[in-house]
């Protein structure tokens, strides 16, 4: 049976309740006895583990996995030697 979280919009109390899929949602708050209950939507996280799943199914947040990092090589560029300025010697 799933667990549903409810919050009262009147008094702010929040609680969890085991209910069947076919049960009607609760409407009356157990604290203030007013009909102000709303279901709280909570995100769930599913991680598939085991031999039946590929390693690429659970990627790292950055999108790069540690085992597939490529080593980058820097190529050295050779520059031509700079031309030396001609000396300006005066002949006397």
N, C-alpha and C. Protein backbone atom coordinates (compact mmCIF):
# COMPACT_ATOMS: atom_id res chain seq x y z
N UNK A 1 0.84 -1.18 0.00
CA UNK A 1 0.00 0.00 0.00
C UNK A 1 0.88 1.24 0.00
N UNK A 2 0.53 2.21 -0.81
CA UNK A 2 1.33 3.44 -0.86
C UNK A 2 1.10 4.32 0.37
N UNK A 3 2.08 5.17 0.60
CA UNK A 3 2.01 6.14 1.68
C UNK A 3 1.76 7.51 1.05
N UNK A 4 0.71 8.17 1.48
CA UNK A 4 0.39 9.51 0.97
C UNK A 4 0.68 10.53 2.05
N UNK A 5 1.16 11.69 1.64
CA UNK A 5 1.43 12.79 2.56
C UNK A 5 0.33 13.83 2.37
N UNK A 6 -0.24 14.28 3.49
CA UNK A 6 -1.29 15.29 3.47
C UNK A 6 -0.82 16.50 4.27
N UNK A 7 -1.31 17.68 3.86
CA UNK A 7 -1.04 18.92 4.60
C UNK A 7 -2.35 19.70 4.72
N UNK A 8 -2.61 20.22 5.90
CA UNK A 8 -3.81 21.03 6.14
C UNK A 8 -3.51 22.47 5.75
N UNK A 9 -4.36 23.04 4.91
CA UNK A 9 -4.16 24.44 4.51
C UNK A 9 -4.62 25.40 5.59
N UNK A 10 -5.36 24.92 6.58
CA UNK A 10 -5.85 25.78 7.65
C UNK A 10 -4.84 25.90 8.79
N UNK A 11 -4.43 24.76 9.36
CA UNK A 11 -3.53 24.81 10.53
C UNK A 11 -2.08 24.46 10.19
N UNK A 12 -1.81 23.92 8.98
CA UNK A 12 -0.44 23.64 8.55
C UNK A 12 0.12 22.31 8.99
N UNK A 13 -0.68 21.47 9.66
CA UNK A 13 -0.18 20.17 10.09
C UNK A 13 0.05 19.28 8.86
N UNK A 14 1.11 18.50 8.91
CA UNK A 14 1.45 17.60 7.81
C UNK A 14 1.66 16.20 8.37
N UNK A 15 1.10 15.19 7.69
CA UNK A 15 1.21 13.81 8.16
C UNK A 15 1.15 12.85 6.99
N UNK A 16 1.55 11.59 7.26
CA UNK A 16 1.52 10.54 6.25
C UNK A 16 0.46 9.52 6.61
N UNK A 17 -0.15 8.90 5.57
CA UNK A 17 -1.21 7.93 5.79
C UNK A 17 -1.06 6.79 4.79
N UNK A 18 -1.08 5.53 5.28
CA UNK A 18 -1.11 4.36 4.40
C UNK A 18 -2.53 4.22 3.87
N UNK A 19 -2.67 4.22 2.55
CA UNK A 19 -3.97 4.07 1.93
C UNK A 19 -3.86 3.20 0.70
N UNK A 20 -4.95 2.53 0.38
CA UNK A 20 -5.02 1.75 -0.84
C UNK A 20 -5.25 2.68 -2.03
N UNK A 21 -4.97 2.18 -3.24
CA UNK A 21 -5.21 2.98 -4.43
C UNK A 21 -6.70 3.31 -4.60
N UNK A 22 -7.54 2.42 -4.11
CA UNK A 22 -8.98 2.61 -4.30
C UNK A 22 -9.62 3.46 -3.21
N UNK A 23 -8.89 3.77 -2.14
CA UNK A 23 -9.45 4.62 -1.07
C UNK A 23 -9.60 6.05 -1.54
N UNK A 24 -10.66 6.70 -1.06
CA UNK A 24 -10.85 8.12 -1.36
C UNK A 24 -9.84 8.95 -0.57
N UNK A 25 -9.36 10.07 -1.15
CA UNK A 25 -8.42 10.92 -0.41
C UNK A 25 -9.07 11.53 0.84
N UNK A 26 -8.25 11.73 1.87
CA UNK A 26 -8.75 12.34 3.09
C UNK A 26 -9.05 13.81 2.85
N UNK A 27 -10.07 14.33 3.54
CA UNK A 27 -10.44 15.73 3.38
C UNK A 27 -10.49 16.48 4.71
N UNK A 28 -10.72 15.77 5.81
CA UNK A 28 -10.87 16.41 7.11
C UNK A 28 -9.57 16.29 7.90
N UNK A 29 -9.09 17.41 8.42
CA UNK A 29 -7.86 17.46 9.20
C UNK A 29 -8.09 16.84 10.57
N UNK A 30 -7.19 15.95 11.02
CA UNK A 30 -7.37 15.35 12.35
C UNK A 30 -7.10 16.32 13.50
N UNK A 31 -6.41 17.43 13.24
CA UNK A 31 -6.10 18.40 14.29
C UNK A 31 -7.20 19.44 14.47
N UNK A 32 -7.52 20.16 13.38
CA UNK A 32 -8.48 21.27 13.49
C UNK A 32 -9.89 20.88 13.04
N UNK A 33 -10.06 19.67 12.51
CA UNK A 33 -11.35 19.13 12.09
C UNK A 33 -12.02 19.92 10.97
N UNK A 34 -11.23 20.66 10.17
CA UNK A 34 -11.78 21.39 9.03
C UNK A 34 -11.45 20.64 7.75
N UNK A 35 -12.25 20.85 6.72
CA UNK A 35 -12.04 20.19 5.43
C UNK A 35 -11.07 21.02 4.60
N UNK A 36 -9.79 20.93 4.95
CA UNK A 36 -8.77 21.73 4.27
C UNK A 36 -7.53 20.91 3.94
N UNK A 37 -7.66 19.56 3.84
CA UNK A 37 -6.51 18.72 3.54
C UNK A 37 -6.24 18.66 2.05
N UNK A 38 -4.97 18.68 1.71
CA UNK A 38 -4.51 18.52 0.32
C UNK A 38 -3.38 17.51 0.30
N UNK A 39 -3.33 16.70 -0.76
CA UNK A 39 -2.21 15.77 -0.92
C UNK A 39 -0.97 16.55 -1.31
N UNK A 40 0.16 16.14 -0.73
CA UNK A 40 1.45 16.75 -1.05
C UNK A 40 2.14 15.85 -2.08
N UNK A 41 2.55 16.43 -3.18
CA UNK A 41 3.25 15.68 -4.22
C UNK A 41 4.73 15.69 -3.87
N UNK A 42 5.30 14.51 -3.66
CA UNK A 42 6.72 14.40 -3.33
C UNK A 42 7.44 13.67 -4.46
N UNK A 43 8.57 14.20 -4.91
CA UNK A 43 9.32 13.53 -5.98
C UNK A 43 9.99 12.27 -5.46
N UNK A 44 10.07 11.29 -6.32
CA UNK A 44 10.75 10.04 -5.96
C UNK A 44 11.93 9.82 -6.88
N UNK A 45 12.91 9.09 -6.40
CA UNK A 45 14.10 8.81 -7.18
C UNK A 45 14.22 7.30 -7.32
N UNK A 46 14.39 6.85 -8.55
CA UNK A 46 14.52 5.42 -8.80
C UNK A 46 15.90 5.17 -9.38
N UNK A 47 16.62 4.23 -8.79
CA UNK A 47 17.93 3.84 -9.30
C UNK A 47 17.87 2.36 -9.64
N UNK A 48 18.15 2.03 -10.88
CA UNK A 48 18.14 0.64 -11.32
C UNK A 48 19.53 0.06 -11.13
N UNK A 49 19.62 -1.01 -10.36
CA UNK A 49 20.90 -1.66 -10.12
C UNK A 49 20.77 -3.13 -10.46
N UNK A 50 21.85 -3.74 -10.84
CA UNK A 50 21.85 -5.16 -11.12
C UNK A 50 22.49 -5.47 -12.45
N UNK A 51 22.52 -6.73 -12.80
CA UNK A 51 23.20 -7.15 -14.02
C UNK A 51 22.37 -6.90 -15.27
N UNK A 52 21.10 -6.60 -15.14
CA UNK A 52 20.23 -6.41 -16.29
C UNK A 52 20.21 -5.00 -16.83
N UNK A 53 21.03 -4.11 -16.29
CA UNK A 53 21.02 -2.72 -16.71
C UNK A 53 22.40 -2.31 -17.19
N UNK A 54 22.43 -1.41 -18.13
CA UNK A 54 23.69 -0.95 -18.69
C UNK A 54 24.33 0.09 -17.78
N UNK A 55 25.64 0.19 -17.85
CA UNK A 55 26.36 1.17 -17.02
C UNK A 55 26.03 2.58 -17.45
N UNK A 56 25.59 2.78 -18.69
CA UNK A 56 25.28 4.12 -19.17
C UNK A 56 23.90 4.58 -18.71
N UNK A 57 23.13 3.72 -18.07
CA UNK A 57 21.80 4.11 -17.60
C UNK A 57 21.88 5.10 -16.44
N UNK A 58 22.93 5.05 -15.64
CA UNK A 58 23.11 5.96 -14.51
C UNK A 58 24.35 6.80 -14.77
N UNK A 59 24.18 7.89 -15.49
CA UNK A 59 25.31 8.75 -15.80
C UNK A 59 25.57 9.72 -14.65
N UNK A 60 26.76 10.25 -14.63
CA UNK A 60 27.10 11.25 -13.62
C UNK A 60 26.35 12.53 -13.95
N UNK A 61 26.15 13.43 -12.98
CA UNK A 61 25.40 14.66 -13.22
C UNK A 61 25.98 15.54 -14.32
N UNK A 62 27.30 15.50 -14.50
CA UNK A 62 27.91 16.35 -15.52
C UNK A 62 27.81 15.73 -16.91
N UNK A 63 27.39 14.47 -16.99
CA UNK A 63 27.28 13.81 -18.28
C UNK A 63 28.51 13.03 -18.66
N UNK A 64 29.60 13.20 -17.94
CA UNK A 64 30.84 12.47 -18.21
C UNK A 64 31.02 11.42 -17.15
N UNK A 65 31.31 10.22 -17.56
CA UNK A 65 31.61 9.20 -16.56
C UNK A 65 33.11 9.15 -16.35
N UNK A 66 33.53 8.72 -15.20
CA UNK A 66 34.96 8.73 -14.85
C UNK A 66 35.77 7.79 -15.73
N UNK A 67 35.16 6.70 -16.19
CA UNK A 67 35.92 5.72 -16.96
C UNK A 67 36.06 6.11 -18.43
N UNK A 68 35.28 7.07 -18.91
CA UNK A 68 35.34 7.41 -20.32
C UNK A 68 36.02 8.75 -20.58
N UNK A 69 36.74 9.27 -19.60
CA UNK A 69 37.43 10.54 -19.82
C UNK A 69 38.59 10.32 -20.77
N UNK A 70 38.69 11.17 -21.76
CA UNK A 70 39.77 11.06 -22.73
C UNK A 70 40.91 11.97 -22.30
N UNK A 71 42.11 11.48 -22.43
CA UNK A 71 43.25 12.32 -22.07
C UNK A 71 43.54 13.24 -23.24
N UNK A 72 43.64 14.47 -22.91
CA UNK A 72 43.91 15.46 -23.94
C UNK A 72 45.41 15.68 -24.03
N UNK A 73 45.91 15.74 -25.25
CA UNK A 73 47.33 16.03 -25.45
C UNK A 73 47.44 17.38 -26.11
N UNK A 74 48.37 18.15 -25.63
CA UNK A 74 48.59 19.47 -26.20
C UNK A 74 49.70 19.36 -27.24
N UNK A 75 49.42 19.88 -28.40
CA UNK A 75 50.45 19.86 -29.43
C UNK A 75 51.28 21.13 -29.30
N UNK A 76 52.56 20.93 -29.39
CA UNK A 76 53.45 22.09 -29.27
C UNK A 76 53.58 22.74 -30.62
N UNK A 77 53.44 24.02 -30.62
CA UNK A 77 53.58 24.76 -31.87
C UNK A 77 54.94 25.42 -31.88
N UNK A 78 55.62 25.29 -33.00
CA UNK A 78 56.93 25.90 -33.14
C UNK A 78 56.76 27.20 -33.90
N UNK A 79 57.30 28.24 -33.32
CA UNK A 79 57.21 29.53 -34.00
C UNK A 79 58.54 29.84 -34.66
N UNK A 80 58.45 30.57 -35.72
CA UNK A 80 59.67 30.94 -36.43
C UNK A 80 60.42 31.97 -35.61
N UNK A 81 61.74 31.94 -35.66
CA UNK A 81 62.50 32.93 -34.88
C UNK A 81 62.19 34.33 -35.41
N UNK A 82 62.15 35.26 -34.49
CA UNK A 82 61.85 36.63 -34.87
C UNK A 82 63.05 37.24 -35.60
N UNK A 83 62.71 38.09 -36.56
CA UNK A 83 63.79 38.78 -37.32
C UNK A 83 64.44 39.81 -36.41
N UNK A 84 65.77 39.84 -36.43
CA UNK A 84 66.48 40.81 -35.60
C UNK A 84 66.52 42.14 -36.33
N UNK A 85 66.32 43.21 -35.63
CA UNK A 85 66.39 44.52 -36.28
C UNK A 85 67.81 44.83 -36.71
N UNK A 86 67.93 45.40 -37.88
CA UNK A 86 69.27 45.75 -38.40
C UNK A 86 69.85 46.86 -37.55
N UNK A 87 71.13 46.73 -37.24
CA UNK A 87 71.76 47.75 -36.41
C UNK A 87 72.05 48.96 -37.29
N UNK A 88 71.87 50.07 -36.74
CA UNK A 88 72.10 51.31 -37.47
C UNK A 88 73.39 51.95 -37.01
N UNK A 89 74.49 51.43 -37.53
CA UNK A 89 75.80 51.97 -37.18
C UNK A 89 76.18 53.01 -38.22
N UNK A 90 76.70 54.10 -37.75
CA UNK A 90 77.12 55.16 -38.66
C UNK A 90 78.60 55.02 -38.93
N UNK A 91 78.96 55.08 -40.17
CA UNK A 91 80.38 55.04 -40.53
C UNK A 91 80.90 56.46 -40.56
N UNK A 92 82.06 56.70 -39.97
CA UNK A 92 82.61 58.03 -39.99
C UNK A 92 83.79 58.11 -40.85
